[in-house]
Amino acid sequence: MKRVALIAAASLVVFAVLVAGSLVYFRPAFMFDKPDETVAAEHGVPNYSEDASEKAQVRRRTRQLLEELGAAQDKIVRGDRAALADQQRLMIDIAREVRSFSPEAWDDYANVRTSLLYVLSGGDARVLQPLIKQNSLSMSDQNLAAGIMSFAEGQPKKARELFEDIDPRSLDVSLVGPFALAKASLYLEDDHAAAISLLDDARLACPHTAIDEASTRREIPVLLDSGDTNRAMMLTISYVREFGKSIYAWKLFRGFAEAAAKQKEFDGQESIDRLAENFDDGDMQPASELFIDLAGEGLLQGRLKLAKAAASKVLAAPNASLENKERARLYIAAAEAPSNDAVNAMKALDQITVDRLSEDDAEIREVAGFIAKTVTGTQGGTAPPHKGDSQTMAQAPGEQSAMTALTKADEILKAADSMISRSGK
């Protein structure tokens, strides 16, 4: 019995420690009247007590505006376009408040933190100039503020140097996510491992927020380029479910399509089926936007199986837009034009109404029709006018009859290249 009691007591102690630890890590300090007193010394937050003084009122007013800005941005990534006006208004209001800070106000670290968060949220970096000139911060915080200002002013090289030795998790908890996201963007091109690690930090620090949306949107194409297809698929499914209506979702869909079309794993029906089976009817409207981009990019990369598979999912989606369904029919027909299905492709193209198509898609229809007629031997003369130049259609894995027809005339290849290139824009 004593042994059982000891085990139970030990378990209770461990559980209490874990709970306490999680509260310390996840508590958003800027949402409470008092800051976390256990933050690392390098980026410490001095203690202060709330009172009715002007200094306290300034602190509360700017903090409240910042919280309202975060709430507006969270609404935006869930599709609330009306919140864009709120965001713009709050950006102006916060800038006005920060610009009015007296030298004494800058001595309050809560105001420093608010101003850094404001700039990391897309605010005007110039509000930090008095803070930088005042030079009253510790060396680490001075580098942090100067780096954030450089980042916001479009000086990535300088920002990267200043950020180099700053671990996001050494900062006040309210800064972890926004700072990790900013720092990650400096590594997206040349250090995928560092970018992924930082984006993970940002997502974990700010789940279900605009920081989470932006971090996930940036991380997925990097994961695909790094070959981590399974994790990229998992995050894409999660993104579509939670943030599929974001006004920025089109960036993720385009980025995913461009990266996925380069992977052989996506050159077929199986990968598209794996993706689609994780969405329910409510998800299929935003998912259809993803699939139509995949179809267009599949054509661009000469992945005709991918193009057809993705476009077919759009046609099967009950709540896909009529515009996307029309584009899906066009892309399927264009993918079938240089193949033994060219006859059917011609019929499908003839049924697509030109006045419902964009200028680019209308040109795709014209050139695809020309290719289909050439493959079937019903087209004479020269290829239709075309713009642009690429090398993609020559790589298309069509049937032997298609390849024979395409190699007979260089004009057809150039026209087809233009068609596919424009479809991916």
Protein backbone atom coordinates (compact mmCIF):
# COMPACT_ATOMS: atom_id res chain seq x y z
CA MET A 1 0.00 0.00 0.00
CA LYS A 2 2.86 2.38 0.82
CA ARG A 3 4.38 1.68 -2.59
CA VAL A 4 1.09 2.48 -4.32
CA ALA A 5 0.72 5.67 -2.32
CA LEU A 6 4.26 6.78 -3.17
CA ILE A 7 3.70 6.14 -6.86
CA ALA A 8 0.45 8.10 -6.77
CA ALA A 9 2.09 11.00 -4.96
CA ALA A 10 5.00 11.08 -7.41
CA SER A 11 2.61 11.04 -10.36
CA LEU A 12 0.69 13.96 -8.91
CA VAL A 13 3.87 16.00 -8.49
CA VAL A 14 4.99 15.29 -12.08
CA PHE A 15 1.56 16.24 -13.42
CA ALA A 16 1.58 19.50 -11.46
CA VAL A 17 5.04 20.40 -12.80
CA LEU A 18 3.97 19.70 -16.38
CA VAL A 19 0.82 21.83 -16.05
CA ALA A 20 2.76 24.69 -14.49
CA GLY A 21 5.37 24.50 -17.23
CA SER A 22 2.78 24.58 -19.99
CA LEU A 23 1.10 27.61 -18.46
CA VAL A 24 4.39 29.49 -18.31
CA TYR A 25 5.17 28.73 -21.96
CA PHE A 26 1.80 29.28 -23.58
CA ARG A 27 0.46 32.23 -21.58
CA PRO A 28 0.34 35.27 -23.88
CA ALA A 29 2.00 37.83 -21.62
CA PHE A 30 0.81 40.93 -23.44
CA MET A 31 -2.80 39.94 -22.76
CA PHE A 32 -2.35 40.17 -18.99
CA ASP A 33 -1.93 43.18 -16.75
CA LYS A 34 1.46 41.97 -15.55
CA PRO A 35 4.23 40.56 -17.71
CA ASP A 36 5.78 37.18 -17.20
CA GLU A 37 8.49 37.55 -14.57
CA THR A 38 10.39 34.43 -15.69
CA VAL A 39 11.40 35.61 -19.19
CA ALA A 40 15.08 35.11 -20.07
CA ALA A 41 17.31 37.86 -18.67
CA GLU A 42 18.62 38.85 -22.11
CA HIS A 43 15.19 40.05 -23.16
CA GLY A 44 13.74 40.76 -19.75
CA VAL A 45 10.45 42.51 -19.09
CA PRO A 46 10.70 44.83 -16.07
CA ASN A 47 8.01 44.49 -13.44
CA TYR A 48 5.34 47.14 -13.35
CA SER A 49 2.04 47.61 -11.53
CA GLU A 50 -1.17 48.91 -13.04
CA ASP A 51 -2.34 52.26 -11.80
CA ALA A 52 -4.30 55.28 -12.95
CA SER A 53 -1.28 57.28 -14.09
CA GLU A 54 -0.89 58.61 -17.60
CA LYS A 55 1.94 56.14 -18.15
CA ALA A 56 -0.33 53.22 -17.29
CA GLN A 57 -3.12 54.56 -19.49
CA VAL A 58 -0.78 54.82 -22.48
CA ARG A 59 0.34 51.24 -21.91
CA ARG A 60 -3.21 49.90 -21.67
CA ARG A 61 -4.46 51.90 -24.66
CA THR A 62 -1.74 50.72 -27.04
CA ARG A 63 -1.97 47.16 -25.78
CA GLN A 64 -5.72 47.09 -26.35
CA LEU A 65 -5.32 48.43 -29.89
CA LEU A 66 -2.73 45.76 -30.61
CA GLU A 67 -5.03 43.02 -29.35
CA GLU A 68 -7.81 44.39 -31.58
CA LEU A 69 -5.40 44.33 -34.52
CA GLY A 70 -4.58 40.68 -33.86
CA ALA A 71 -8.28 39.84 -33.69
CA ALA A 72 -8.92 41.64 -37.01
CA GLN A 73 -6.07 39.77 -38.70
CA ASP A 74 -7.41 36.47 -37.39
CA LYS A 75 -10.76 37.30 -38.97
CA ILE A 76 -9.09 38.12 -42.29
CA VAL A 77 -7.44 34.69 -42.53
CA ARG A 78 -10.87 33.15 -42.07
CA GLY A 79 -12.31 35.03 -45.00
CA ASP A 80 -13.76 38.14 -43.36
CA ARG A 81 -12.95 40.83 -45.91
CA ALA A 82 -14.73 43.47 -43.86
CA ALA A 83 -11.97 43.08 -41.27
CA LEU A 84 -9.50 44.56 -43.77
CA ALA A 85 -10.95 48.01 -43.04
CA ASP A 86 -10.59 47.37 -39.31
CA GLN A 87 -6.98 46.35 -39.82
CA GLN A 88 -6.19 49.51 -41.75
CA ARG A 89 -7.86 51.71 -39.13
CA LEU A 90 -6.06 49.98 -36.26
CA MET A 91 -2.71 50.27 -38.03
CA ILE A 92 -3.23 54.04 -38.22
CA ASP A 93 -4.41 54.28 -34.61
CA ILE A 94 -1.47 52.28 -33.25
CA ALA A 95 1.05 54.28 -35.29
CA ARG A 96 -0.45 57.48 -33.89
CA GLU A 97 -0.17 56.18 -30.34
CA VAL A 98 3.42 54.97 -30.72
CA ARG A 99 4.56 58.19 -32.39
CA SER A 100 3.21 60.09 -29.39
CA PHE A 101 5.34 58.13 -26.90
CA SER A 102 7.46 60.38 -24.71
CA PRO A 103 11.03 59.36 -23.78
CA GLU A 104 9.61 58.16 -20.47
CA ALA A 105 7.04 55.99 -22.29
CA TRP A 106 9.86 54.24 -24.14
CA ASP A 107 11.39 53.37 -20.76
CA ASP A 108 8.39 51.11 -20.17
CA TYR A 109 9.27 47.77 -21.79
CA ALA A 110 5.58 47.03 -22.31
CA ASN A 111 5.49 49.90 -24.79
CA VAL A 112 8.67 48.66 -26.47
CA ARG A 113 7.10 45.25 -26.87
CA THR A 114 3.89 46.74 -28.26
CA SER A 115 5.78 48.77 -30.84
CA LEU A 116 7.85 45.75 -31.94
CA LEU A 117 4.72 43.65 -32.32
CA TYR A 118 3.04 46.41 -34.29
CA VAL A 119 5.90 46.58 -36.80
CA LEU A 120 6.09 42.78 -37.05
CA SER A 121 2.35 42.85 -37.80
CA GLY A 122 2.97 44.98 -40.88
CA GLY A 123 3.14 48.40 -39.31
CA ASP A 124 5.27 51.41 -40.21
CA ALA A 125 8.87 50.71 -39.17
CA ARG A 126 9.61 54.41 -38.77
CA VAL A 127 7.83 54.46 -35.41
CA LEU A 128 10.88 52.64 -34.00
CA GLN A 129 13.32 55.44 -34.86
CA PRO A 130 13.03 57.18 -31.46
CA LEU A 131 13.62 53.86 -29.73
CA ILE A 132 16.72 53.13 -31.82
CA LYS A 133 18.12 56.64 -31.30
CA GLN A 134 17.40 56.63 -27.58
CA ASN A 135 19.70 53.60 -27.23
CA SER A 136 18.35 52.78 -23.78
CA LEU A 137 17.84 49.04 -24.35
CA SER A 138 20.18 46.19 -23.61
CA MET A 139 22.48 45.20 -26.47
CA SER A 140 20.35 42.17 -27.35
CA ASP A 141 17.12 44.16 -27.38
CA GLN A 142 18.80 46.95 -29.34
CA ASN A 143 19.76 44.38 -32.01
CA LEU A 144 16.23 43.00 -31.93
CA ALA A 145 14.65 46.42 -32.46
CA ALA A 146 17.15 47.42 -35.15
CA GLY A 147 16.71 44.08 -36.91
CA ILE A 148 12.93 44.36 -36.91
CA MET A 149 13.19 47.87 -38.32
CA SER A 150 15.58 46.69 -41.05
CA PHE A 151 13.33 43.75 -41.87
CA ALA A 152 10.25 45.95 -42.20
CA GLU A 153 12.14 48.43 -44.39
CA GLY A 154 13.14 45.72 -46.85
CA GLN A 155 16.78 45.27 -45.83
CA PRO A 156 16.95 41.46 -45.48
CA LYS A 157 20.75 41.20 -45.40
CA LYS A 158 21.09 43.63 -42.50
CA ALA A 159 18.10 42.09 -40.71
CA ARG A 160 19.58 38.61 -41.04
CA GLU A 161 22.86 39.77 -39.49
CA LEU A 162 21.07 41.37 -36.56
CA PHE A 163 18.73 38.39 -36.08
CA GLU A 164 21.48 35.77 -36.40
CA ASP A 165 22.06 35.12 -32.70
CA ILE A 166 18.51 35.74 -31.48
CA ASP A 167 16.56 32.60 -30.58
CA PRO A 168 12.81 33.33 -30.88
CA ARG A 169 12.17 31.31 -27.72
CA SER A 170 14.42 33.64 -25.70
CA LEU A 171 11.97 36.49 -26.27
CA ASP A 172 8.86 37.49 -24.42
CA VAL A 173 6.21 34.91 -25.26
CA SER A 174 4.11 37.42 -27.22
CA LEU A 175 7.02 38.01 -29.61
CA VAL A 176 7.95 34.37 -30.27
CA GLY A 177 5.54 33.68 -33.12
CA PRO A 178 5.75 37.00 -34.99
CA PHE A 179 9.54 37.13 -34.70
CA ALA A 180 10.04 33.48 -35.73
CA LEU A 181 7.88 34.11 -38.82
CA ALA A 182 9.86 37.21 -39.75
CA LYS A 183 13.21 35.49 -39.25
CA ALA A 184 12.08 32.42 -41.21
CA SER A 185 11.31 34.54 -44.26
CA LEU A 186 15.01 35.43 -44.46
CA TYR A 187 15.95 31.77 -44.96
CA LEU A 188 13.28 30.59 -47.39
CA GLU A 189 15.54 30.75 -50.43
CA ASP A 190 18.83 29.34 -49.19
CA ASP A 191 18.35 27.40 -45.94
CA HIS A 192 15.24 25.26 -45.97
CA ALA A 193 16.07 23.48 -42.71
CA ALA A 194 16.37 26.77 -40.79
CA ALA A 195 13.21 28.15 -42.41
CA ILE A 196 11.17 25.05 -41.54
CA SER A 197 12.39 25.04 -37.94
CA LEU A 198 11.51 28.71 -37.45
CA LEU A 199 8.13 28.35 -39.13
CA ASP A 200 7.35 25.43 -36.83
CA ASP A 201 8.22 27.65 -33.86
CA ALA A 202 5.86 30.33 -35.16
CA ARG A 203 2.98 27.91 -35.72
CA LEU A 204 3.34 26.28 -32.32
CA ALA A 205 3.57 29.62 -30.51
CA CYS A 206 0.44 31.05 -32.16
CA PRO A 207 -1.93 28.23 -33.17
CA HIS A 208 -5.17 29.08 -35.03
CA THR A 209 -4.09 32.68 -35.65
CA ALA A 210 -2.93 34.82 -38.56
CA ILE A 211 0.65 33.89 -37.59
CA ASP A 212 -0.25 30.21 -37.92
CA GLU A 213 -1.85 30.84 -41.33
CA ALA A 214 1.10 32.79 -42.70
CA SER A 215 3.64 30.31 -41.35
CA THR A 216 1.83 27.28 -42.75
CA ARG A 217 1.37 28.98 -46.11
CA ARG A 218 5.11 29.61 -46.36
CA GLU A 219 6.21 26.25 -44.98
CA ILE A 220 4.30 23.94 -47.33
CA PRO A 221 6.13 24.80 -50.58
CA VAL A 222 9.46 24.58 -48.72
CA LEU A 223 8.58 21.12 -47.45
CA LEU A 224 7.70 20.02 -50.99
CA ASP A 225 10.93 21.40 -52.37
CA SER A 226 12.79 19.57 -49.59
CA GLY A 227 11.10 16.27 -50.49
CA ASP A 228 8.97 16.00 -47.35
CA THR A 229 5.79 15.32 -49.32
CA ASN A 230 3.85 13.58 -46.56
CA ARG A 231 4.22 16.45 -44.11
CA ALA A 232 3.45 18.98 -46.82
CA MET A 233 0.25 17.10 -47.66
CA MET A 234 -0.74 16.96 -43.99
CA LEU A 235 -0.25 20.69 -43.52
CA THR A 236 -2.06 21.46 -46.78
CA ILE A 237 -5.09 19.47 -45.67
CA SER A 238 -5.06 21.26 -42.31
CA TYR A 239 -4.69 24.63 -44.03
CA VAL A 240 -7.61 24.09 -46.40
CA ARG A 241 -9.84 23.01 -43.53
CA GLU A 242 -9.04 25.95 -41.26
CA PHE A 243 -7.81 28.73 -43.53
CA GLY A 244 -9.18 27.76 -46.94
CA LYS A 245 -11.27 30.95 -47.08
CA SER A 246 -8.36 33.23 -46.20
CA ILE A 247 -7.87 36.12 -48.59
CA TYR A 248 -4.28 34.93 -48.87
CA ALA A 249 -5.14 31.29 -49.59
CA TRP A 250 -4.55 31.76 -53.33
CA LYS A 251 -0.86 32.27 -52.56
CA LEU A 252 -0.67 28.88 -50.87
CA PHE A 253 -2.61 27.17 -53.66
CA ARG A 254 -0.31 28.66 -56.29
CA GLY A 255 2.82 27.88 -54.30
CA PHE A 256 1.69 24.32 -53.61
CA ALA A 257 0.84 23.76 -57.29
CA GLU A 258 4.19 25.08 -58.52
CA ALA A 259 6.16 22.94 -56.06
CA ALA A 260 4.00 19.80 -56.43
CA ALA A 261 4.12 19.82 -60.23
CA LYS A 262 7.89 19.44 -60.04
CA GLN A 263 7.57 16.24 -58.00
CA LYS A 264 7.21 12.95 -59.86
CA GLU A 265 5.08 11.69 -56.98
CA PHE A 266 2.26 13.93 -58.15
CA ASP A 267 2.35 12.77 -61.75
CA GLY A 268 -0.77 10.65 -61.57
CA GLN A 269 -4.16 10.00 -60.03
CA GLU A 270 -3.06 8.45 -56.73
CA SER A 271 -1.56 11.54 -55.13
CA ILE A 272 -4.59 13.67 -56.07
CA ASP A 273 -6.93 11.02 -54.67
CA ARG A 274 -4.96 10.99 -51.41
CA LEU A 275 -5.35 14.73 -51.12
CA ALA A 276 -9.03 14.85 -52.07
CA GLU A 277 -10.19 12.04 -49.79
CA ASN A 278 -9.35 14.15 -46.73
CA PHE A 279 -11.82 16.90 -47.62
CA ASP A 280 -15.53 16.84 -46.92
CA ASP A 281 -18.16 18.74 -48.92
CA GLY A 282 -17.62 21.87 -46.85
CA ASP A 283 -13.92 21.90 -47.72
CA MET A 284 -14.32 21.30 -51.42
CA GLN A 285 -15.01 24.89 -52.40
CA PRO A 286 -11.55 26.11 -51.32
CA ALA A 287 -10.05 22.73 -52.26
CA SER A 288 -11.33 23.20 -55.82
CA GLU A 289 -9.23 26.38 -56.00
CA LEU A 290 -6.20 24.31 -55.08
CA PHE A 291 -7.03 21.61 -57.63
CA ILE A 292 -7.58 24.07 -60.48
CA ASP A 293 -4.15 25.59 -59.80
CA LEU A 294 -2.67 22.08 -59.77
CA ALA A 295 -4.30 21.38 -63.12
CA GLY A 296 -2.93 24.56 -64.68
CA GLU A 297 0.53 24.01 -63.27
CA GLY A 298 0.43 20.40 -64.39
CA LEU A 299 0.02 21.64 -67.96
CA LEU A 300 2.87 24.08 -67.47
CA GLN A 301 5.22 21.31 -66.33
CA GLY A 302 4.06 18.81 -68.97
CA ARG A 303 2.41 16.66 -66.26
CA LEU A 304 -0.69 15.82 -68.27
CA LYS A 305 -1.82 13.05 -65.91
CA LEU A 306 -1.63 15.47 -63.00
CA ALA A 307 -3.54 18.10 -64.97
CA LYS A 308 -6.35 15.71 -65.84
CA ALA A 309 -6.56 14.21 -62.34
CA ALA A 310 -6.71 17.58 -60.61
CA ALA A 311 -9.18 19.05 -63.09
CA SER A 312 -11.43 16.01 -62.65
CA LYS A 313 -11.65 16.74 -58.91
CA VAL A 314 -12.90 20.22 -59.70
CA LEU A 315 -15.62 18.85 -61.96
CA ALA A 316 -16.65 16.43 -59.21
CA ALA A 317 -16.79 19.11 -56.50
CA PRO A 318 -20.46 20.01 -55.83
CA ASN A 319 -19.73 23.60 -54.80
CA ALA A 320 -16.87 24.51 -57.13
CA SER A 321 -17.53 27.75 -58.99
CA LEU A 322 -18.89 27.64 -62.52
CA GLU A 323 -15.77 29.47 -63.68
CA ASN A 324 -13.49 26.80 -62.22
CA LYS A 325 -15.60 24.01 -63.70
CA GLU A 326 -15.28 25.61 -67.13
CA ARG A 327 -11.53 25.96 -66.66
CA ALA A 328 -11.35 22.32 -65.56
CA ARG A 329 -13.07 21.18 -68.77
CA LEU A 330 -10.66 23.30 -70.77
CA TYR A 331 -7.58 21.91 -69.02
CA ILE A 332 -8.71 18.32 -69.45
CA ALA A 333 -9.30 18.90 -73.15
CA ALA A 334 -5.95 20.67 -73.51
CA ALA A 335 -4.21 17.75 -71.80
CA GLU A 336 -5.91 15.30 -74.15
CA ALA A 337 -5.24 17.33 -77.33
CA PRO A 338 -1.77 15.82 -78.01
CA SER A 339 -2.95 12.21 -77.57
CA ASN A 340 -5.10 9.48 -79.05
CA ASP A 341 -8.05 11.23 -77.38
CA ALA A 342 -7.60 14.24 -79.64
CA VAL A 343 -10.98 13.67 -81.32
CA ASN A 344 -12.80 13.84 -78.00
CA ALA A 345 -10.65 16.82 -76.99
CA MET A 346 -11.81 18.68 -80.13
CA LYS A 347 -15.45 18.00 -79.29
CA ALA A 348 -14.96 19.17 -75.70
CA LEU A 349 -13.20 22.33 -76.81
CA ASP A 350 -16.00 23.16 -79.23
CA GLN A 351 -18.49 22.95 -76.35
CA ILE A 352 -16.60 25.47 -74.21
CA THR A 353 -18.04 28.96 -74.61
CA VAL A 354 -15.32 31.49 -75.34
CA ASP A 355 -17.11 34.43 -73.73
CA ARG A 356 -16.87 32.69 -70.33
CA LEU A 357 -13.11 32.40 -70.54
CA SER A 358 -10.37 34.81 -69.57
CA GLU A 359 -8.08 36.08 -72.31
CA ASP A 360 -5.40 33.56 -71.32
CA ASP A 361 -7.82 30.64 -71.20
CA ALA A 362 -9.31 31.65 -74.55
CA GLU A 363 -5.85 31.38 -76.06
CA ILE A 364 -5.39 27.97 -74.45
CA ARG A 365 -8.62 26.86 -76.11
CA GLU A 366 -7.50 28.16 -79.50
CA VAL A 367 -4.07 26.53 -79.41
CA ALA A 368 -5.36 23.27 -77.90
CA GLY A 369 -7.90 23.08 -80.71
CA PHE A 370 -5.17 23.62 -83.28
CA ILE A 371 -3.05 20.84 -81.74
CA ALA A 372 -5.99 18.42 -81.58
CA LYS A 373 -6.85 19.07 -85.23
CA THR A 374 -3.23 18.61 -86.25
CA VAL A 375 -3.01 15.30 -84.39
CA THR A 376 -6.16 14.04 -86.10
CA GLY A 377 -5.03 15.33 -89.49
CA THR A 378 -7.90 17.82 -89.88
CA GLN A 379 -5.82 21.01 -89.55
CA GLY A 380 -3.90 22.71 -92.32
CA GLY A 381 -1.96 25.96 -92.55
CA THR A 382 0.08 27.59 -89.80
CA ALA A 383 -0.31 27.69 -86.07
CA PRO A 384 -2.42 30.46 -84.49
CA PRO A 385 -0.71 33.60 -83.14
CA HIS A 386 1.06 33.07 -79.86
CA LYS A 387 3.00 34.91 -77.17
CA GLY A 388 5.73 33.89 -74.75
CA ASP A 389 8.20 31.07 -74.93
CA SER A 390 8.82 27.93 -72.86
CA GLN A 391 9.90 24.33 -73.29
CA THR A 392 7.22 22.45 -71.52
CA MET A 393 4.95 20.98 -74.14
CA ALA A 394 7.81 19.13 -75.83
CA GLN A 395 8.14 17.18 -72.57
CA ALA A 396 4.47 16.14 -72.50
CA PRO A 397 4.06 12.35 -72.20
CA GLY A 398 1.41 12.04 -74.92
CA GLU A 399 0.73 9.08 -77.17
CA GLN A 400 3.05 8.24 -80.10
CA SER A 401 0.70 9.76 -82.66
CA ALA A 402 0.72 13.02 -80.75
CA MET A 403 4.47 13.19 -80.53
CA THR A 404 4.80 12.44 -84.23
CA ALA A 405 2.43 15.25 -85.12
CA LEU A 406 4.09 17.69 -82.74
CA THR A 407 7.59 17.05 -84.03
CA LYS A 408 6.51 17.71 -87.61
CA ALA A 409 6.00 21.40 -87.08
CA ASP A 410 8.03 23.71 -84.86
CA GLU A 411 5.23 26.26 -84.99
CA ILE A 412 2.91 23.87 -83.17
CA LEU A 413 5.46 23.34 -80.43
CA LYS A 414 5.91 27.06 -79.90
CA ALA A 415 2.19 27.68 -79.85
CA ALA A 416 1.68 24.82 -77.42
CA ASP A 417 4.49 26.16 -75.23
CA SER A 418 2.75 29.53 -75.11
CA MET A 419 -0.55 27.91 -74.23
CA ILE A 420 0.83 25.94 -71.34
CA SER A 421 3.05 28.71 -70.05
CA ARG A 422 0.18 31.16 -69.88
CA SER A 423 -2.08 28.65 -68.16
CA GLY A 424 0.24 28.60 -65.19
CA LYS A 425 0.21 32.38 -64.66
